[in-house]
Amino acid sequence: MTAMILVNLPATNLDISTAFYQALDFHNNPQLTDITAGMVRSDNHRRGNLRIKF
C-alpha cells in the first residue's frame, strides 16, 4: 500500500522556498503554481503546498 503525504507550508518568499525544495529533489508543478502559492512534489508520493504568508 502506498501512502501519500500532503503538507501545507507557509512561506514568506515563494521563489526561495521553491528553490529549497527543488534542492531536496522536489519538482515544481506549474499547473498549480501562481504568484501566491506553489505546489511541489517528489517522485515518492510526497507533496507540499507553499503559500505566501501575508
N, C-alpha and C. Protein backbone atom coordinates (compact mmCIF):
# COMPACT_ATOMS: atom_id res chain seq x y z
N MET A 1 0.84 -1.18 0.00
CA MET A 1 0.00 0.00 0.00
C MET A 1 0.88 1.24 0.00
N THR A 2 0.57 2.20 -0.85
CA THR A 2 1.32 3.43 -0.96
C THR A 2 0.61 4.53 -0.20
N ALA A 3 1.35 5.24 0.62
CA ALA A 3 0.78 6.37 1.36
C ALA A 3 1.21 7.67 0.70
N MET A 4 0.32 8.64 0.66
CA MET A 4 0.64 9.94 0.12
C MET A 4 0.65 10.94 1.26
N ILE A 5 1.67 11.76 1.30
CA ILE A 5 1.80 12.78 2.34
C ILE A 5 1.57 14.14 1.70
N LEU A 6 0.59 14.90 2.21
CA LEU A 6 0.32 16.25 1.74
C LEU A 6 0.59 17.22 2.88
N VAL A 7 1.37 18.25 2.61
CA VAL A 7 1.75 19.21 3.64
C VAL A 7 1.52 20.62 3.12
N ASN A 8 0.88 21.47 3.92
CA ASN A 8 0.75 22.89 3.61
C ASN A 8 1.78 23.65 4.43
N LEU A 9 2.60 24.44 3.75
CA LEU A 9 3.69 25.15 4.41
C LEU A 9 3.60 26.64 4.12
N PRO A 10 3.58 27.49 5.15
CA PRO A 10 3.60 28.94 4.91
C PRO A 10 5.00 29.36 4.45
N ALA A 11 5.05 30.34 3.56
CA ALA A 11 6.33 30.84 3.06
C ALA A 11 6.27 32.36 2.96
N THR A 12 7.38 33.00 3.24
CA THR A 12 7.43 34.46 3.07
C THR A 12 8.00 34.83 1.71
N ASN A 13 8.75 33.92 1.08
CA ASN A 13 9.30 34.15 -0.25
C ASN A 13 9.14 32.86 -1.05
N LEU A 14 8.23 32.87 -1.99
CA LEU A 14 7.91 31.66 -2.75
C LEU A 14 9.09 31.18 -3.59
N ASP A 15 9.83 32.10 -4.18
CA ASP A 15 10.97 31.71 -5.02
C ASP A 15 12.05 30.99 -4.22
N ILE A 16 12.39 31.52 -3.06
CA ILE A 16 13.41 30.90 -2.21
C ILE A 16 12.92 29.56 -1.68
N SER A 17 11.66 29.49 -1.27
CA SER A 17 11.10 28.23 -0.75
C SER A 17 11.07 27.16 -1.83
N THR A 18 10.68 27.53 -3.03
CA THR A 18 10.64 26.58 -4.13
C THR A 18 12.04 26.07 -4.45
N ALA A 19 13.02 26.97 -4.48
CA ALA A 19 14.41 26.57 -4.75
C ALA A 19 14.93 25.62 -3.67
N PHE A 20 14.55 25.86 -2.42
CA PHE A 20 14.97 24.98 -1.33
C PHE A 20 14.44 23.57 -1.54
N TYR A 21 13.15 23.44 -1.84
CA TYR A 21 12.57 22.11 -2.02
C TYR A 21 13.05 21.44 -3.30
N GLN A 22 13.37 22.22 -4.33
CA GLN A 22 13.95 21.64 -5.53
C GLN A 22 15.34 21.07 -5.23
N ALA A 23 16.09 21.69 -4.32
CA ALA A 23 17.39 21.15 -3.91
C ALA A 23 17.23 19.84 -3.15
N LEU A 24 16.05 19.61 -2.56
CA LEU A 24 15.75 18.35 -1.87
C LEU A 24 15.09 17.34 -2.80
N ASP A 25 15.19 17.56 -4.11
CA ASP A 25 14.68 16.66 -5.14
C ASP A 25 13.17 16.69 -5.29
N PHE A 26 12.53 17.82 -4.93
CA PHE A 26 11.12 18.03 -5.23
C PHE A 26 11.04 18.75 -6.57
N HIS A 27 9.91 18.64 -7.24
CA HIS A 27 9.71 19.27 -8.54
C HIS A 27 8.53 20.22 -8.47
N ASN A 28 8.65 21.36 -9.11
CA ASN A 28 7.58 22.34 -9.14
C ASN A 28 6.49 21.87 -10.10
N ASN A 29 5.23 22.05 -9.71
CA ASN A 29 4.10 21.74 -10.58
C ASN A 29 3.54 23.06 -11.10
N PRO A 30 3.89 23.45 -12.34
CA PRO A 30 3.49 24.76 -12.86
C PRO A 30 1.98 24.92 -13.04
N GLN A 31 1.23 23.84 -13.18
CA GLN A 31 -0.22 23.94 -13.32
C GLN A 31 -0.88 24.39 -12.02
N LEU A 32 -0.23 24.16 -10.88
CA LEU A 32 -0.81 24.53 -9.59
C LEU A 32 0.02 25.61 -8.89
N THR A 33 0.75 26.41 -9.66
CA THR A 33 1.61 27.45 -9.10
C THR A 33 1.25 28.80 -9.71
N ASP A 34 1.14 29.81 -8.86
CA ASP A 34 0.98 31.20 -9.32
C ASP A 34 1.80 32.10 -8.40
N ILE A 35 1.51 33.40 -8.36
CA ILE A 35 2.34 34.30 -7.56
C ILE A 35 2.06 34.21 -6.06
N THR A 36 0.97 33.55 -5.67
CA THR A 36 0.64 33.45 -4.24
C THR A 36 0.83 32.07 -3.65
N ALA A 37 0.97 31.04 -4.50
CA ALA A 37 1.10 29.67 -3.99
C ALA A 37 1.86 28.81 -4.99
N GLY A 38 2.46 27.76 -4.45
CA GLY A 38 3.19 26.83 -5.31
C GLY A 38 2.94 25.40 -4.85
N MET A 39 3.05 24.48 -5.77
CA MET A 39 2.90 23.06 -5.46
C MET A 39 4.19 22.37 -5.85
N VAL A 40 4.80 21.69 -4.89
CA VAL A 40 6.00 20.90 -5.17
C VAL A 40 5.68 19.44 -4.87
N ARG A 41 6.33 18.55 -5.61
CA ARG A 41 6.08 17.12 -5.41
C ARG A 41 7.40 16.38 -5.58
N SER A 42 7.46 15.20 -5.01
CA SER A 42 8.61 14.34 -5.20
C SER A 42 8.15 13.07 -5.90
N ASP A 43 9.07 12.29 -6.35
CA ASP A 43 8.72 11.06 -7.07
C ASP A 43 8.22 9.96 -6.14
N ASN A 44 8.38 10.12 -4.83
CA ASN A 44 7.94 9.07 -3.90
C ASN A 44 6.69 9.49 -3.12
N HIS A 45 5.75 10.13 -3.83
CA HIS A 45 4.41 10.41 -3.32
C HIS A 45 4.38 11.42 -2.17
N ARG A 46 5.31 12.33 -2.12
CA ARG A 46 5.25 13.42 -1.15
C ARG A 46 4.93 14.70 -1.90
N ARG A 47 4.03 15.49 -1.35
CA ARG A 47 3.65 16.76 -1.97
C ARG A 47 3.58 17.84 -0.93
N GLY A 48 3.87 19.05 -1.33
CA GLY A 48 3.79 20.18 -0.42
C GLY A 48 3.17 21.37 -1.12
N ASN A 49 2.32 22.07 -0.44
CA ASN A 49 1.75 23.32 -0.92
C ASN A 49 2.46 24.45 -0.21
N LEU A 50 3.08 25.34 -0.97
CA LEU A 50 3.75 26.50 -0.42
C LEU A 50 2.85 27.71 -0.61
N ARG A 51 2.50 28.37 0.45
CA ARG A 51 1.60 29.52 0.36
C ARG A 51 2.28 30.75 0.96
N ILE A 52 2.15 31.87 0.25
CA ILE A 52 2.70 33.12 0.74
C ILE A 52 1.95 33.54 1.99
N LYS A 53 2.71 33.87 3.03
CA LYS A 53 2.13 34.32 4.29
C LYS A 53 2.03 35.84 4.25
N PHE A 54 0.81 36.37 4.27
CA PHE A 54 0.59 37.82 4.20
C PHE A 54 0.54 38.42 5.56
